[in-house]
N, C-alpha and C. Protein backbone atom coordinates (compact mmCIF):
# COMPACT_ATOMS: atom_id res chain seq x y z
N MET A 1 55.42 -9.77 -43.26
CA MET A 1 54.75 -9.08 -42.18
C MET A 1 53.80 -10.46 -41.66
N LYS A 2 53.51 -9.86 -40.36
CA LYS A 2 52.70 -11.02 -39.66
C LYS A 2 51.19 -10.20 -39.99
N SER A 3 50.53 -10.57 -38.98
CA SER A 3 48.94 -10.02 -39.16
C SER A 3 48.82 -8.71 -39.29
N ASN A 4 47.77 -8.28 -39.77
CA ASN A 4 47.28 -6.82 -39.98
C ASN A 4 47.14 -6.15 -38.59
N ASN A 5 46.90 -6.73 -37.44
CA ASN A 5 46.80 -6.20 -36.24
C ASN A 5 48.49 -5.99 -35.64
N GLU A 6 49.26 -6.91 -35.93
CA GLU A 6 50.57 -6.48 -35.55
C GLU A 6 51.25 -5.62 -36.09
N MET A 7 51.30 -5.37 -37.48
CA MET A 7 51.70 -4.35 -38.20
C MET A 7 51.21 -2.97 -37.78
N GLY A 8 49.75 -2.80 -37.49
CA GLY A 8 49.06 -1.82 -37.29
C GLY A 8 49.83 -1.25 -35.77
N PHE A 9 49.47 -2.15 -34.78
CA PHE A 9 50.21 -2.18 -33.44
C PHE A 9 51.64 -1.07 -33.93
N ILE A 10 52.34 -1.79 -34.60
CA ILE A 10 53.77 -1.33 -34.85
C ILE A 10 53.62 -0.04 -35.15
N VAL A 11 53.25 0.08 -36.58
CA VAL A 11 52.92 1.56 -36.83
C VAL A 11 52.48 2.66 -36.17
N ARG A 12 51.40 2.40 -35.38
CA ARG A 12 50.80 3.44 -34.33
C ARG A 12 51.89 3.58 -33.25
N GLY A 13 52.65 2.79 -32.72
CA GLY A 13 53.76 3.16 -31.74
C GLY A 13 54.47 3.74 -32.27
N VAL A 14 55.17 3.32 -33.11
CA VAL A 14 56.24 4.07 -33.78
C VAL A 14 56.18 5.37 -34.24
N ARG A 15 54.93 5.46 -34.70
CA ARG A 15 54.29 7.17 -35.28
C ARG A 15 54.15 8.11 -33.71
N SER A 16 53.64 7.48 -32.90
CA SER A 16 53.55 7.86 -31.52
C SER A 16 54.72 8.33 -30.92
N LEU A 17 55.57 7.43 -30.96
CA LEU A 17 57.01 7.59 -30.27
C LEU A 17 57.71 8.73 -31.21
N LEU A 18 57.55 8.98 -32.25
CA LEU A 18 58.04 10.20 -33.38
C LEU A 18 57.48 11.24 -33.00
N GLY A 19 56.13 11.27 -32.19
CA GLY A 19 55.30 12.13 -32.09
C GLY A 19 54.79 13.01 -33.47
N MET A 20 54.45 11.85 -34.40
CA MET A 20 53.54 12.54 -35.52
C MET A 20 52.08 11.75 -35.37
N ASN A 21 51.43 12.52 -35.92
CA ASN A 21 50.25 12.34 -35.97
C ASN A 21 49.62 11.57 -37.45
N GLN A 22 48.16 10.86 -37.35
CA GLN A 22 47.97 10.15 -38.65
C GLN A 22 48.16 10.95 -39.56
N GLY A 23 47.84 12.37 -39.59
CA GLY A 23 47.76 13.23 -41.01
C GLY A 23 49.34 13.43 -41.43
N ASP A 24 50.35 13.87 -40.42
CA ASP A 24 51.64 13.92 -40.93
C ASP A 24 52.20 12.49 -41.45
N LEU A 25 52.10 11.39 -40.93
CA LEU A 25 52.47 10.21 -41.57
C LEU A 25 51.86 9.70 -43.02
N ALA A 26 50.42 10.14 -42.79
CA ALA A 26 49.97 9.54 -44.19
C ALA A 26 50.42 10.70 -45.56
N ASP A 27 50.52 11.72 -45.19
CA ASP A 27 51.25 12.72 -46.11
C ASP A 27 52.64 12.34 -46.65
N ALA A 28 53.19 11.95 -45.36
CA ALA A 28 54.37 11.57 -45.79
C ALA A 28 54.81 10.20 -46.72
N LEU A 29 53.65 9.29 -46.37
CA LEU A 29 53.83 8.26 -47.17
C LEU A 29 52.73 8.19 -48.44
N ASN A 30 52.23 9.41 -48.86
CA ASN A 30 51.39 9.72 -49.91
C ASN A 30 50.19 8.72 -49.87
N ILE A 31 49.57 8.46 -48.74
CA ILE A 31 48.11 7.78 -48.46
C ILE A 31 47.17 8.62 -47.64
N THR A 32 46.02 8.08 -47.74
CA THR A 32 44.94 9.19 -46.95
C THR A 32 45.20 8.45 -45.51
N ARG A 33 44.86 9.95 -45.02
CA ARG A 33 44.66 9.51 -43.17
C ARG A 33 43.74 8.32 -43.04
N SER A 34 42.60 8.00 -43.83
CA SER A 34 41.76 6.84 -43.56
C SER A 34 42.45 5.50 -43.61
N THR A 35 42.97 5.57 -44.74
CA THR A 35 43.96 4.31 -45.01
C THR A 35 44.78 4.04 -43.79
N LEU A 36 45.57 5.14 -43.52
CA LEU A 36 46.38 4.60 -42.25
C LEU A 36 45.79 4.25 -41.17
N CYS A 37 44.85 4.97 -40.84
CA CYS A 37 43.65 4.63 -39.58
C CYS A 37 43.30 3.36 -39.78
N LYS A 38 42.97 2.88 -40.78
CA LYS A 38 42.72 1.25 -41.02
C LYS A 38 43.82 0.50 -41.11
N VAL A 39 44.71 0.91 -41.41
CA VAL A 39 46.09 0.10 -41.40
C VAL A 39 46.36 -0.24 -39.63
N GLU A 40 46.22 0.92 -38.97
CA GLU A 40 46.74 1.03 -37.64
C GLU A 40 45.45 0.03 -36.86
N ASN A 41 44.51 0.34 -37.28
CA ASN A 41 43.48 -0.50 -36.27
C ASN A 41 43.21 -2.03 -36.83
N GLY A 42 44.25 -2.34 -37.92
CA GLY A 42 44.35 -3.71 -38.34
C GLY A 42 42.92 -4.32 -39.35
N ASP A 43 42.42 -3.02 -39.95
CA ASP A 43 41.17 -3.51 -40.59
C ASP A 43 41.74 -3.47 -42.22
N ARG A 44 43.13 -3.27 -42.38
CA ARG A 44 43.45 -3.00 -43.86
C ARG A 44 44.81 -3.50 -43.63
N LYS A 45 45.43 -4.23 -44.94
CA LYS A 45 46.77 -4.13 -45.12
C LYS A 45 47.16 -2.93 -45.97
N TRP A 46 48.64 -3.09 -45.94
CA TRP A 46 49.20 -1.62 -46.58
C TRP A 46 48.69 -1.78 -48.35
N VAL A 47 48.59 -0.80 -48.76
CA VAL A 47 48.06 -0.89 -50.30
C VAL A 47 49.07 -1.40 -51.01
N ARG A 48 50.30 -1.29 -50.96
CA ARG A 48 51.56 -1.32 -51.89
C ARG A 48 52.62 -1.44 -50.99
N ILE A 49 53.56 -2.41 -51.30
CA ILE A 49 54.49 -3.33 -50.72
C ILE A 49 55.30 -1.92 -50.62
N ASP A 50 55.59 -1.06 -51.51
CA ASP A 50 56.56 -0.10 -51.79
C ASP A 50 56.26 1.08 -50.62
N THR A 51 54.86 1.03 -50.06
CA THR A 51 54.14 1.85 -49.08
C THR A 51 55.06 1.56 -47.76
N VAL A 52 54.91 0.18 -47.54
CA VAL A 52 55.79 -0.33 -45.95
C VAL A 52 57.35 0.08 -46.26
N GLY A 53 57.76 0.04 -47.48
CA GLY A 53 58.99 0.21 -47.78
C GLY A 53 59.49 1.85 -47.30
N LYS A 54 58.28 2.81 -47.53
CA LYS A 54 58.49 4.12 -47.42
C LYS A 54 58.28 4.19 -45.94
N ALA A 55 57.35 3.63 -45.28
CA ALA A 55 57.17 4.01 -43.93
C ALA A 55 58.59 3.40 -42.97
N LEU A 56 59.29 2.28 -43.33
CA LEU A 56 60.21 1.64 -42.76
C LEU A 56 61.48 2.65 -43.12
N ASP A 57 61.63 3.21 -44.19
CA ASP A 57 62.88 4.11 -44.37
C ASP A 57 62.54 5.70 -43.51
N LEU A 58 61.30 6.23 -43.61
CA LEU A 58 61.00 7.22 -42.60
C LEU A 58 61.64 7.05 -41.48
N PHE A 59 60.78 5.87 -40.63
CA PHE A 59 60.89 5.73 -39.48
C PHE A 59 62.60 5.74 -39.54
N GLN A 60 63.45 5.19 -39.95
CA GLN A 60 64.63 4.75 -39.96
C GLN A 60 65.36 6.13 -39.93
N THR A 61 65.19 7.28 -40.82
CA THR A 61 65.51 8.57 -41.30
C THR A 61 65.50 9.49 -39.65
N LYS A 62 64.18 9.00 -39.02
CA LYS A 62 63.93 9.66 -37.66
C LYS A 62 64.52 8.66 -36.45
N GLY A 63 65.42 7.85 -36.69
CA GLY A 63 66.07 7.21 -35.90
C GLY A 63 65.44 5.75 -34.93
N VAL A 64 64.45 5.34 -35.60
CA VAL A 64 63.70 4.20 -35.34
C VAL A 64 63.84 3.22 -36.56
N GLY A 65 64.17 2.00 -36.31
CA GLY A 65 64.41 0.78 -36.80
C GLY A 65 63.62 -0.10 -36.45
N VAL A 66 62.64 -0.86 -37.55
CA VAL A 66 61.92 -1.87 -37.39
C VAL A 66 62.23 -3.26 -37.98
N TYR A 67 62.43 -4.04 -37.31
CA TYR A 67 63.02 -5.43 -38.01
C TYR A 67 61.98 -6.64 -37.50
N GLU A 68 61.77 -7.35 -38.65
CA GLU A 68 60.93 -8.71 -38.18
C GLU A 68 61.70 -10.03 -38.18
N SER A 69 61.63 -10.56 -37.30
CA SER A 69 62.07 -12.05 -37.18
C SER A 69 61.05 -13.05 -37.34
N GLU A 70 61.33 -14.49 -37.06
CA GLU A 70 60.57 -15.29 -37.38
C GLU A 70 59.09 -15.27 -36.80
N ASP A 71 59.28 -14.63 -35.35
CA ASP A 71 57.95 -14.82 -34.68
C ASP A 71 57.73 -13.40 -33.63
N HIS A 72 58.79 -12.24 -34.15
CA HIS A 72 58.56 -11.32 -33.39
C HIS A 72 59.02 -10.01 -33.92
N TYR A 73 59.00 -8.97 -33.68
CA TYR A 73 59.24 -7.63 -34.13
C TYR A 73 60.53 -6.87 -33.10
N VAL A 74 61.58 -6.37 -33.80
CA VAL A 74 62.43 -5.85 -32.93
C VAL A 74 62.50 -4.30 -33.29
N ILE A 75 61.99 -3.23 -32.36
CA ILE A 75 62.01 -1.97 -32.60
C ILE A 75 63.64 -1.48 -31.96
N LEU A 76 64.33 -0.44 -32.72
CA LEU A 76 65.56 -0.34 -32.13
C LEU A 76 65.41 1.37 -32.19
N VAL A 77 65.73 2.28 -31.23
CA VAL A 77 65.84 3.64 -31.23
C VAL A 77 66.73 4.15 -30.80
N ASN A 78 67.26 4.90 -31.70
CA ASN A 78 68.62 5.93 -31.59
C ASN A 78 68.42 7.26 -31.02
N LYS A 79 68.58 7.25 -29.49
CA LYS A 79 68.28 8.21 -28.70
C LYS A 79 68.86 9.34 -29.41
N GLN A 80 70.18 9.48 -30.10
CA GLN A 80 70.53 10.50 -30.46
C GLN A 80 69.87 11.49 -31.70
N LYS A 81 68.88 10.85 -32.35
CA LYS A 81 68.28 11.55 -33.30
C LYS A 81 66.95 12.31 -32.80
């Protein structure tokens, strides 16, 4: 992953795209809303790497894939979900 700010921006954007509030996503990831807020604001890295995996898996099941390349992220949205 790139910087905390970049990842936070991606998480906030995808969460908003999916119509989820911070509480919804935090509950789904089994973290506190406060922790998620810090991640989204770039003030904190993910607590555990498996939490990143959970977030990416959750986004994927809801039709949004987030992929990292050398210098950017790609977000793919399945309009049929």
